[in-house]
Protein backbone atom coordinates (compact mmCIF):
# COMPACT_ATOMS: atom_id res chain seq x y z
CA UNK A 1 8.18 86.13 77.35
CA UNK A 2 7.13 82.78 77.91
CA UNK A 3 8.55 81.39 81.51
CA UNK A 4 7.19 78.33 81.10
CA UNK A 5 3.53 79.21 82.28
CA UNK A 6 1.23 78.39 79.37
CA UNK A 7 -1.95 77.54 79.12
CA UNK A 8 -2.77 73.82 80.15
CA UNK A 9 -4.12 71.38 78.25
CA UNK A 10 -7.83 71.83 77.10
CA UNK A 11 -10.20 69.24 78.86
CA UNK A 12 -13.78 68.53 78.04
CA UNK A 13 -15.57 68.24 81.69
CA UNK A 14 -17.92 66.09 80.59
CA UNK A 15 -15.49 63.55 79.31
CA UNK A 16 -13.35 64.07 82.41
CA UNK A 17 -16.00 63.42 84.91
CA UNK A 18 -17.64 60.24 82.76
CA UNK A 19 -13.80 58.81 82.82
CA UNK A 20 -13.55 59.36 86.75
CA UNK A 21 -16.97 57.55 86.93
CA UNK A 22 -15.73 54.83 84.93
CA UNK A 23 -12.49 54.49 87.01
CA UNK A 24 -14.29 54.42 90.30
CA UNK A 25 -16.89 51.98 88.93
CA UNK A 26 -14.27 49.69 87.70
CA UNK A 27 -12.38 49.90 91.08
CA UNK A 28 -15.66 48.92 92.78
CA UNK A 29 -16.19 46.29 90.52
CA UNK A 30 -12.83 44.85 91.22
CA UNK A 31 -13.36 44.71 94.60
CA UNK A 32 -16.47 42.83 94.73
CA UNK A 33 -15.18 40.38 92.21
CA UNK A 34 -12.40 39.77 94.96
CA UNK A 35 -14.94 39.73 97.80
CA UNK A 36 -17.60 37.84 95.99
CA UNK A 37 -16.58 36.30 92.94
CA UNK A 38 -16.24 32.33 92.30
CA UNK A 39 -15.34 31.49 88.85
CA UNK A 40 -17.25 29.37 86.78
CA UNK A 41 -14.49 26.94 86.72
CA UNK A 42 -13.94 26.67 90.21
CA UNK A 43 -18.07 26.45 90.79
CA UNK A 44 -17.49 23.39 88.33
CA UNK A 45 -14.59 21.84 90.47
CA UNK A 46 -16.50 22.26 93.63
CA UNK A 47 -19.60 20.54 92.50
CA UNK A 48 -17.70 17.99 90.82
CA UNK A 49 -15.83 17.43 93.97
CA UNK A 50 -19.05 17.32 95.97
CA UNK A 51 -20.44 14.77 93.29
CA UNK A 52 -17.62 12.08 93.72
CA UNK A 53 -17.75 12.53 97.47
CA UNK A 54 -21.54 11.47 97.56
CA UNK A 55 -20.83 8.80 95.09
CA UNK A 56 -18.05 7.40 97.38
CA UNK A 57 -20.24 7.62 100.41
CA UNK A 58 -23.01 6.07 98.65
CA UNK A 59 -20.58 2.98 97.59
CA UNK A 60 -19.69 2.43 101.36
CA UNK A 61 -23.27 2.22 102.59
CA UNK A 62 -23.84 -1.46 103.89
CA UNK A 63 -27.39 -2.02 102.82
CA UNK A 64 -27.99 0.22 99.59
CA UNK A 65 -31.72 1.54 99.32
CA UNK A 66 -32.83 -0.01 102.80
CA UNK A 67 -34.82 2.00 105.46
CA UNK A 68 -33.59 2.14 109.14
CA UNK A 69 -36.34 0.76 111.33
C-alpha cells in the first residue's frame, strides 16, 4: 500500500553541488555588474560628451595657444 510516500527523485550530488555553485556565482556576478559595471555604450557616450565639452571650451578661449605671463 503506497500512501504517497514513495521514493524521491534520484539526484546526482556532484551535479547538484555544481549547479548550486553556478547559481551562486551568477548571483554574485549580477550584483557586481550592478555595483561596478558600466556598459560599453555608456563609456562611449561619456567620452564623447567629455570631448564635446573640451572642444566647446577650447572654442571659447580668448587667445588660443597663448601662454599666460
